[in-house]
């Protein structure tokens, strides 16, 4: 590359970055929340992302059925470890698809879940423990085992 082309390329890249950063911040600020069914994902009141009721949900109502992959605990590591559920055996874990893995913890949950085996495999079924208002963040209790395995 000749020095003139290198100089022009450097200026072009710097101009693109300088224009891209404010544009990215503007788009992020105006981006809509993600929603499907009765759940939307937005900034959590606790930490990071959270799941919120996109409409009023009645006690006992199924909020979401999450297809799940059952894998061994050796298949799960890093940050993913914080987003899996206990499987059908001690060394198995469920990786939930859908919004199920974005529900945060509360010692006073408004949501619970159970595992159900369907023709297509394991599913994590999330349901309301009580009536939930539109806009309320959805929480389930991670359980003592989850906390005891983390510092």
N, C-alpha and C. Protein backbone atom coordinates (compact mmCIF):
# COMPACT_ATOMS: atom_id res chain seq x y z
N UNK A 1 0.85 -1.17 0.00
CA UNK A 1 0.00 0.00 0.00
C UNK A 1 0.89 1.23 0.00
N UNK A 2 0.61 2.17 -0.86
CA UNK A 2 1.39 3.41 -0.86
C UNK A 2 0.95 4.27 0.30
N UNK A 3 1.81 5.20 0.76
CA UNK A 3 1.45 6.04 1.91
C UNK A 3 0.17 6.84 1.70
N UNK A 4 -0.09 7.31 0.45
CA UNK A 4 -1.31 8.09 0.20
C UNK A 4 -2.57 7.24 0.37
N UNK A 5 -2.56 6.02 -0.14
CA UNK A 5 -3.71 5.13 -0.01
C UNK A 5 -3.90 4.74 1.45
N UNK A 6 -2.80 4.45 2.16
CA UNK A 6 -2.89 4.12 3.58
C UNK A 6 -3.52 5.28 4.36
N UNK A 7 -3.11 6.52 4.06
CA UNK A 7 -3.65 7.69 4.74
C UNK A 7 -5.15 7.84 4.46
N UNK A 8 -5.56 7.68 3.21
CA UNK A 8 -6.97 7.80 2.83
C UNK A 8 -7.79 6.68 3.49
N UNK A 9 -7.26 5.46 3.49
CA UNK A 9 -7.98 4.32 4.11
C UNK A 9 -8.14 4.55 5.61
N UNK A 10 -7.09 5.06 6.26
CA UNK A 10 -7.16 5.33 7.69
C UNK A 10 -8.22 6.39 8.00
N UNK A 11 -8.26 7.44 7.21
CA UNK A 11 -9.26 8.51 7.39
C UNK A 11 -10.67 7.95 7.16
N UNK A 12 -10.83 7.12 6.14
CA UNK A 12 -12.16 6.56 5.84
C UNK A 12 -12.64 5.66 6.98
N UNK A 13 -11.75 4.82 7.53
CA UNK A 13 -12.13 3.94 8.63
C UNK A 13 -12.47 4.78 9.87
N UNK A 14 -11.65 5.78 10.16
CA UNK A 14 -11.90 6.64 11.33
C UNK A 14 -13.23 7.38 11.19
N UNK A 15 -13.53 7.86 9.98
CA UNK A 15 -14.81 8.56 9.76
C UNK A 15 -15.98 7.60 9.92
N UNK A 16 -15.83 6.37 9.44
CA UNK A 16 -16.90 5.39 9.59
C UNK A 16 -17.16 5.05 11.05
N UNK A 17 -16.09 4.88 11.82
CA UNK A 17 -16.24 4.59 13.24
C UNK A 17 -16.87 5.78 13.96
N UNK A 18 -16.39 7.00 13.61
CA UNK A 18 -16.91 8.21 14.26
C UNK A 18 -18.40 8.38 13.98
N UNK A 19 -18.85 8.02 12.79
CA UNK A 19 -20.28 8.14 12.46
C UNK A 19 -21.07 6.95 13.02
N UNK A 20 -20.43 5.78 13.09
CA UNK A 20 -21.14 4.58 13.51
C UNK A 20 -21.45 4.53 14.99
N UNK A 21 -20.57 5.05 15.82
CA UNK A 21 -20.81 5.00 17.26
C UNK A 21 -22.05 5.79 17.66
N UNK A 22 -22.18 7.07 17.27
CA UNK A 22 -23.41 7.79 17.64
C UNK A 22 -24.66 7.17 17.01
N UNK A 23 -24.54 6.67 15.77
CA UNK A 23 -25.70 6.04 15.13
C UNK A 23 -26.11 4.79 15.89
N UNK A 24 -25.13 3.99 16.33
CA UNK A 24 -25.44 2.79 17.10
C UNK A 24 -26.11 3.12 18.42
N UNK A 25 -25.62 4.14 19.11
CA UNK A 25 -26.23 4.55 20.37
C UNK A 25 -27.66 5.05 20.16
N UNK A 26 -27.88 5.80 19.10
CA UNK A 26 -29.22 6.30 18.80
C UNK A 26 -30.17 5.15 18.47
N UNK A 27 -29.72 4.20 17.67
CA UNK A 27 -30.57 3.06 17.32
C UNK A 27 -30.85 2.20 18.55
N UNK A 28 -29.85 2.00 19.41
CA UNK A 28 -30.05 1.21 20.62
C UNK A 28 -31.08 1.86 21.53
N UNK A 29 -31.01 3.17 21.66
CA UNK A 29 -31.93 3.89 22.52
C UNK A 29 -33.36 3.79 22.01
N UNK A 30 -33.53 3.74 20.70
CA UNK A 30 -34.87 3.72 20.11
C UNK A 30 -35.33 2.32 19.72
N UNK A 31 -34.52 1.31 20.02
CA UNK A 31 -34.91 -0.04 19.60
C UNK A 31 -36.06 -0.55 20.47
N UNK A 32 -37.02 -1.22 19.86
CA UNK A 32 -38.16 -1.74 20.63
C UNK A 32 -37.73 -2.94 21.47
N UNK A 33 -38.51 -3.22 22.49
CA UNK A 33 -38.26 -4.43 23.27
C UNK A 33 -38.66 -5.62 22.42
N UNK A 34 -38.20 -6.78 22.80
CA UNK A 34 -38.52 -8.01 22.09
C UNK A 34 -39.72 -8.64 22.77
N UNK A 35 -40.72 -9.04 22.01
CA UNK A 35 -41.87 -9.67 22.65
C UNK A 35 -42.42 -10.81 21.80
N UNK A 36 -43.06 -11.75 22.50
CA UNK A 36 -43.71 -12.88 21.84
C UNK A 36 -44.76 -13.39 22.82
N UNK A 37 -45.94 -13.59 22.35
CA UNK A 37 -47.00 -14.11 23.23
C UNK A 37 -47.28 -13.17 24.37
N UNK A 38 -47.19 -13.65 25.59
CA UNK A 38 -47.49 -12.83 26.76
C UNK A 38 -46.22 -12.33 27.45
N UNK A 39 -45.07 -12.50 26.80
CA UNK A 39 -43.79 -12.13 27.42
C UNK A 39 -43.03 -11.17 26.52
N UNK A 40 -42.39 -10.18 27.16
CA UNK A 40 -41.47 -9.31 26.44
C UNK A 40 -40.16 -9.27 27.21
N UNK A 41 -39.08 -9.07 26.50
CA UNK A 41 -37.75 -9.00 27.10
C UNK A 41 -37.31 -7.54 27.07
N UNK A 42 -36.82 -7.08 28.22
CA UNK A 42 -36.39 -5.69 28.36
C UNK A 42 -35.32 -5.64 29.44
N UNK A 43 -34.82 -4.45 29.74
CA UNK A 43 -33.85 -4.30 30.82
C UNK A 43 -34.52 -4.70 32.13
N UNK A 44 -33.85 -5.54 32.90
CA UNK A 44 -34.39 -6.04 34.15
C UNK A 44 -34.33 -4.99 35.25
N UNK A 45 -35.22 -5.12 36.20
CA UNK A 45 -35.17 -4.28 37.40
C UNK A 45 -34.11 -4.80 38.36
N UNK A 46 -33.59 -6.01 38.10
CA UNK A 46 -32.61 -6.65 38.98
C UNK A 46 -31.21 -6.57 38.37
N UNK A 47 -31.07 -7.10 37.15
CA UNK A 47 -29.75 -7.17 36.53
C UNK A 47 -29.90 -7.62 35.08
N UNK A 48 -29.21 -6.97 34.18
CA UNK A 48 -29.19 -7.40 32.77
C UNK A 48 -30.56 -7.40 32.14
N UNK A 49 -30.87 -8.48 31.41
CA UNK A 49 -32.17 -8.63 30.76
C UNK A 49 -33.14 -9.29 31.72
N UNK A 50 -34.42 -9.06 31.45
CA UNK A 50 -35.45 -9.72 32.22
C UNK A 50 -36.68 -9.96 31.36
N UNK A 51 -37.55 -10.82 31.83
CA UNK A 51 -38.81 -11.12 31.15
C UNK A 51 -39.93 -10.39 31.88
N UNK A 52 -40.85 -9.82 31.12
CA UNK A 52 -41.95 -9.03 31.67
C UNK A 52 -43.27 -9.49 31.06
N UNK A 53 -44.33 -9.36 31.83
CA UNK A 53 -45.66 -9.70 31.33
C UNK A 53 -46.08 -8.64 30.31
N UNK A 54 -46.40 -9.07 29.11
CA UNK A 54 -46.84 -8.15 28.06
C UNK A 54 -48.35 -7.92 28.12
N UNK A 55 -49.00 -8.66 29.01
CA UNK A 55 -50.43 -8.52 29.26
C UNK A 55 -50.69 -9.11 30.64
N UNK A 56 -51.87 -8.91 31.18
CA UNK A 56 -52.23 -9.53 32.46
C UNK A 56 -52.24 -11.05 32.29
N UNK A 57 -51.71 -11.75 33.28
CA UNK A 57 -51.63 -13.21 33.24
C UNK A 57 -52.31 -13.75 34.49
N UNK A 58 -53.19 -14.72 34.32
CA UNK A 58 -53.94 -15.31 35.43
C UNK A 58 -53.16 -16.40 36.15
N UNK A 59 -53.42 -16.56 37.43
CA UNK A 59 -52.82 -17.62 38.23
C UNK A 59 -53.05 -18.96 37.55
N UNK A 60 -52.01 -19.77 37.45
CA UNK A 60 -52.11 -21.10 36.84
C UNK A 60 -51.95 -21.12 35.33
N UNK A 61 -52.01 -19.97 34.70
CA UNK A 61 -51.90 -19.90 33.23
C UNK A 61 -50.48 -20.27 32.80
N UNK A 62 -50.38 -21.06 31.73
CA UNK A 62 -49.08 -21.38 31.15
C UNK A 62 -48.59 -20.15 30.40
N UNK A 63 -47.42 -19.69 30.76
CA UNK A 63 -46.84 -18.49 30.16
C UNK A 63 -46.05 -18.85 28.92
N UNK A 64 -45.29 -19.92 29.01
CA UNK A 64 -44.49 -20.34 27.86
C UNK A 64 -44.12 -21.82 28.01
N UNK A 65 -44.06 -22.49 26.86
CA UNK A 65 -43.56 -23.86 26.79
C UNK A 65 -42.24 -23.77 26.03
N UNK A 66 -41.15 -24.03 26.71
CA UNK A 66 -39.81 -23.89 26.12
C UNK A 66 -39.26 -25.26 25.73
N UNK A 67 -39.07 -25.50 24.44
CA UNK A 67 -38.38 -26.73 24.07
C UNK A 67 -37.01 -26.71 24.75
N UNK A 68 -36.52 -27.86 25.15
CA UNK A 68 -35.25 -27.92 25.87
C UNK A 68 -34.38 -29.05 25.35
N UNK A 69 -33.10 -28.83 25.38
CA UNK A 69 -32.13 -29.86 25.04
C UNK A 69 -31.56 -30.40 26.34
N UNK A 70 -31.55 -31.71 26.49
CA UNK A 70 -30.94 -32.29 27.68
C UNK A 70 -29.52 -32.72 27.33
N UNK A 71 -28.57 -32.18 28.06
CA UNK A 71 -27.15 -32.45 27.82
C UNK A 71 -26.51 -32.84 29.14
N UNK A 72 -25.29 -33.37 29.07
CA UNK A 72 -24.60 -33.71 30.32
C UNK A 72 -24.02 -32.44 30.93
N UNK A 73 -23.76 -32.48 32.22
CA UNK A 73 -23.19 -31.31 32.88
C UNK A 73 -21.81 -30.98 32.34
N UNK A 74 -21.13 -31.95 31.73
CA UNK A 74 -19.81 -31.71 31.11
C UNK A 74 -19.94 -30.89 29.83
N UNK A 75 -21.13 -30.88 29.21
CA UNK A 75 -21.35 -30.11 27.99
C UNK A 75 -21.58 -28.63 28.29
N UNK A 76 -21.79 -28.31 29.55
CA UNK A 76 -22.16 -26.94 29.93
C UNK A 76 -21.01 -26.31 30.69
N UNK A 77 -20.62 -25.13 30.27
CA UNK A 77 -19.54 -24.43 30.97
C UNK A 77 -19.65 -22.94 30.75
N UNK A 78 -18.76 -22.21 31.36
CA UNK A 78 -18.73 -20.76 31.20
C UNK A 78 -20.02 -20.11 31.65
N UNK A 79 -20.39 -19.05 30.98
CA UNK A 79 -21.60 -18.29 31.33
C UNK A 79 -22.87 -19.11 31.13
N UNK A 80 -22.86 -20.06 30.20
CA UNK A 80 -24.05 -20.89 29.96
C UNK A 80 -24.48 -21.63 31.22
N UNK A 81 -23.55 -21.94 32.10
CA UNK A 81 -23.86 -22.62 33.35
C UNK A 81 -24.93 -21.88 34.15
N UNK A 82 -25.00 -20.55 34.02
CA UNK A 82 -25.97 -19.74 34.75
C UNK A 82 -27.36 -19.75 34.11
N UNK A 83 -27.52 -20.42 32.97
CA UNK A 83 -28.79 -20.37 32.25
C UNK A 83 -29.40 -21.74 31.99
N UNK A 84 -28.91 -22.77 32.66
CA UNK A 84 -29.45 -24.11 32.46
C UNK A 84 -30.22 -24.57 33.69
N UNK A 85 -31.03 -25.59 33.50
CA UNK A 85 -31.88 -26.15 34.56
C UNK A 85 -31.42 -27.57 34.83
N UNK A 86 -31.77 -28.07 36.00
CA UNK A 86 -31.43 -29.46 36.32
C UNK A 86 -32.26 -30.39 35.45
N UNK A 87 -31.62 -31.46 34.98
CA UNK A 87 -32.27 -32.40 34.08
C UNK A 87 -32.91 -33.56 34.83
N UNK A 88 -33.18 -34.62 34.11
CA UNK A 88 -33.89 -35.77 34.68
C UNK A 88 -32.99 -36.63 35.57
N UNK A 89 -31.68 -36.45 35.47
CA UNK A 89 -30.73 -37.14 36.33
C UNK A 89 -29.72 -36.13 36.87
N UNK A 90 -28.99 -36.52 37.91
CA UNK A 90 -28.09 -35.59 38.60
C UNK A 90 -27.05 -34.97 37.68
N UNK A 91 -26.56 -35.72 36.68
CA UNK A 91 -25.51 -35.20 35.80
C UNK A 91 -26.05 -34.61 34.50
N UNK A 92 -27.37 -34.44 34.40
CA UNK A 92 -27.97 -33.88 33.18
C UNK A 92 -28.48 -32.47 33.43
N UNK A 93 -28.43 -31.66 32.37
CA UNK A 93 -28.90 -30.27 32.44
C UNK A 93 -29.82 -30.01 31.26
N UNK A 94 -30.78 -29.13 31.47
CA UNK A 94 -31.70 -28.71 30.40
C UNK A 94 -31.30 -27.32 29.92
N UNK A 95 -31.09 -27.20 28.62
CA UNK A 95 -30.86 -25.90 28.00
C UNK A 95 -32.20 -25.50 27.39
N UNK A 96 -32.85 -24.51 28.00
CA UNK A 96 -34.19 -24.09 27.56
C UNK A 96 -34.08 -23.14 26.38
N UNK A 97 -34.89 -23.35 25.39
CA UNK A 97 -34.98 -22.43 24.26
C UNK A 97 -36.08 -21.42 24.58
N UNK A 98 -36.13 -20.35 23.86
CA UNK A 98 -37.16 -19.35 24.11
C UNK A 98 -36.78 -18.42 25.24
N UNK A 99 -37.77 -17.78 25.83
CA UNK A 99 -37.52 -16.77 26.85
C UNK A 99 -37.29 -17.36 28.23
N UNK A 100 -37.51 -18.65 28.39
CA UNK A 100 -37.42 -19.28 29.70
C UNK A 100 -36.11 -19.07 30.42
N UNK A 101 -35.02 -18.96 29.69
CA UNK A 101 -33.74 -18.80 30.36
C UNK A 101 -33.46 -17.35 30.75
N UNK A 102 -34.37 -16.43 30.45
CA UNK A 102 -34.15 -15.02 30.79
C UNK A 102 -34.99 -14.54 31.98
N UNK A 103 -35.71 -15.46 32.61
CA UNK A 103 -36.46 -15.10 33.82
C UNK A 103 -35.47 -15.01 34.97
N UNK A 104 -35.49 -13.95 35.72
CA UNK A 104 -34.57 -13.76 36.84
C UNK A 104 -35.10 -14.40 38.11
N UNK A 105 -34.24 -14.41 39.14
CA UNK A 105 -34.56 -15.03 40.43
C UNK A 105 -35.22 -14.05 41.39
N UNK A 106 -36.13 -14.58 42.19
CA UNK A 106 -36.68 -13.87 43.34
C UNK A 106 -37.01 -14.91 44.40
N UNK A 107 -36.77 -14.57 45.68
CA UNK A 107 -37.20 -15.49 46.73
C UNK A 107 -38.72 -15.51 46.88
N UNK A 108 -39.39 -14.52 46.25
CA UNK A 108 -40.86 -14.47 46.21
C UNK A 108 -41.29 -14.50 44.75
N UNK A 109 -41.19 -15.67 44.11
CA UNK A 109 -41.45 -15.76 42.67
C UNK A 109 -42.93 -15.59 42.32
N UNK A 110 -43.18 -15.16 41.09
CA UNK A 110 -44.54 -15.12 40.57
C UNK A 110 -44.74 -16.17 39.47
N UNK A 111 -43.67 -16.91 39.18
CA UNK A 111 -43.68 -17.94 38.14
C UNK A 111 -43.00 -19.19 38.68
N UNK A 112 -43.45 -20.35 38.24
CA UNK A 112 -42.78 -21.62 38.54
C UNK A 112 -42.69 -22.39 37.23
N UNK A 113 -42.02 -23.51 37.27
CA UNK A 113 -41.87 -24.31 36.06
C UNK A 113 -41.85 -25.79 36.42
N UNK A 114 -42.13 -26.60 35.43
CA UNK A 114 -41.97 -28.04 35.54
C UNK A 114 -41.48 -28.58 34.21
N UNK A 115 -40.88 -29.72 34.27
CA UNK A 115 -40.39 -30.39 33.06
C UNK A 115 -41.50 -31.30 32.54
N UNK A 116 -41.67 -31.31 31.25
CA UNK A 116 -42.65 -32.21 30.63
C UNK A 116 -41.98 -32.86 29.43
N UNK A 117 -42.16 -34.16 29.28
CA UNK A 117 -41.61 -34.85 28.12
C UNK A 117 -42.71 -34.97 27.07
N UNK A 118 -42.43 -34.45 25.88
CA UNK A 118 -43.38 -34.54 24.77
C UNK A 118 -42.83 -35.49 23.71
N UNK A 119 -43.58 -35.69 22.65
CA UNK A 119 -43.11 -36.54 21.54
C UNK A 119 -41.78 -36.02 20.97
N UNK A 120 -41.60 -34.70 21.05
CA UNK A 120 -40.42 -34.09 20.46
C UNK A 120 -39.26 -33.92 21.44
N UNK A 121 -39.48 -34.29 22.69
CA UNK A 121 -38.41 -34.17 23.67
C UNK A 121 -38.84 -33.36 24.88
N UNK A 122 -37.88 -33.04 25.71
CA UNK A 122 -38.15 -32.33 26.95
C UNK A 122 -38.62 -30.90 26.68
N UNK A 123 -39.54 -30.44 27.53
CA UNK A 123 -40.00 -29.05 27.50
C UNK A 123 -39.99 -28.51 28.93
N UNK A 124 -39.69 -27.26 29.06
CA UNK A 124 -39.78 -26.57 30.33
C UNK A 124 -41.06 -25.75 30.26
N UNK A 125 -42.01 -26.00 31.14
CA UNK A 125 -43.31 -25.33 31.10
C UNK A 125 -43.34 -24.30 32.23
N UNK A 126 -43.47 -23.03 31.86
CA UNK A 126 -43.51 -21.93 32.82
C UNK A 126 -44.96 -21.52 33.04
N UNK A 127 -45.36 -21.38 34.31
CA UNK A 127 -46.75 -21.02 34.60
C UNK A 127 -46.79 -20.01 35.75
N UNK A 128 -47.89 -19.27 35.83
CA UNK A 128 -48.05 -18.22 36.84
C UNK A 128 -48.47 -18.80 38.18
N UNK A 129 -47.77 -18.39 39.23
CA UNK A 129 -48.12 -18.81 40.60
C UNK A 129 -49.25 -17.98 41.18
N UNK A 130 -49.46 -16.81 40.61
CA UNK A 130 -50.50 -15.89 41.05
C UNK A 130 -50.86 -15.00 39.88
N UNK A 131 -51.89 -14.16 40.03
CA UNK A 131 -52.20 -13.20 38.98
C UNK A 131 -51.02 -12.24 38.83
N UNK A 132 -50.67 -11.94 37.59
CA UNK A 132 -49.53 -11.07 37.29
C UNK A 132 -50.04 -9.89 36.46
N UNK A 133 -49.67 -8.70 36.87
CA UNK A 133 -50.09 -7.48 36.17
C UNK A 133 -49.27 -7.28 34.88
N UNK A 134 -49.86 -6.64 33.91
CA UNK A 134 -49.13 -6.25 32.69
C UNK A 134 -47.97 -5.36 33.10
N UNK A 135 -46.79 -5.64 32.56
CA UNK A 135 -45.61 -4.85 32.85
C UNK A 135 -44.77 -5.36 34.02
N UNK A 136 -45.31 -6.29 34.79
CA UNK A 136 -44.60 -6.83 35.95
C UNK A 136 -43.48 -7.77 35.49
N UNK A 137 -42.31 -7.66 36.14
CA UNK A 137 -41.22 -8.58 35.79
C UNK A 137 -41.55 -9.97 36.30
N UNK A 138 -41.16 -10.97 35.51
CA UNK A 138 -41.46 -12.37 35.81
C UNK A 138 -40.23 -13.01 36.47
N UNK A 139 -40.45 -13.63 37.63
CA UNK A 139 -39.38 -14.24 38.40
C UNK A 139 -39.76 -15.66 38.80
N UNK A 140 -38.79 -16.54 38.84
CA UNK A 140 -38.96 -17.80 39.54
C UNK A 140 -37.80 -17.96 40.51
N UNK A 141 -37.93 -18.89 41.42
CA UNK A 141 -36.91 -19.12 42.43
C UNK A 141 -35.91 -20.12 41.90
N UNK A 142 -34.64 -19.74 41.84
CA UNK A 142 -33.60 -20.63 41.31
C UNK A 142 -33.32 -21.80 42.24
N UNK A 143 -33.68 -21.69 43.50
CA UNK A 143 -33.48 -22.78 44.46
C UNK A 143 -32.14 -22.70 45.17
N UNK A 144 -32.08 -23.31 46.32
CA UNK A 144 -30.87 -23.28 47.15
C UNK A 144 -29.67 -23.93 46.47
N UNK A 145 -29.90 -25.02 45.72
CA UNK A 145 -28.79 -25.70 45.04
C UNK A 145 -28.07 -24.77 44.07
N UNK A 146 -28.84 -23.96 43.35
CA UNK A 146 -28.25 -23.03 42.38
C UNK A 146 -27.31 -22.08 43.09
N UNK A 147 -27.77 -21.51 44.20
CA UNK A 147 -26.95 -20.51 44.93
C UNK A 147 -25.76 -21.16 45.61
N UNK A 148 -25.92 -22.37 46.11
CA UNK A 148 -24.83 -23.02 46.84
C UNK A 148 -23.68 -23.41 45.92
N UNK A 149 -23.91 -23.51 44.61
CA UNK A 149 -22.86 -23.87 43.68
C UNK A 149 -22.16 -22.65 43.09
N UNK A 150 -22.53 -21.47 43.55
CA UNK A 150 -21.91 -20.23 43.07
C UNK A 150 -21.39 -19.43 44.26
N UNK A 151 -20.34 -18.66 44.00
CA UNK A 151 -19.75 -17.90 45.10
C UNK A 151 -20.51 -16.64 45.41
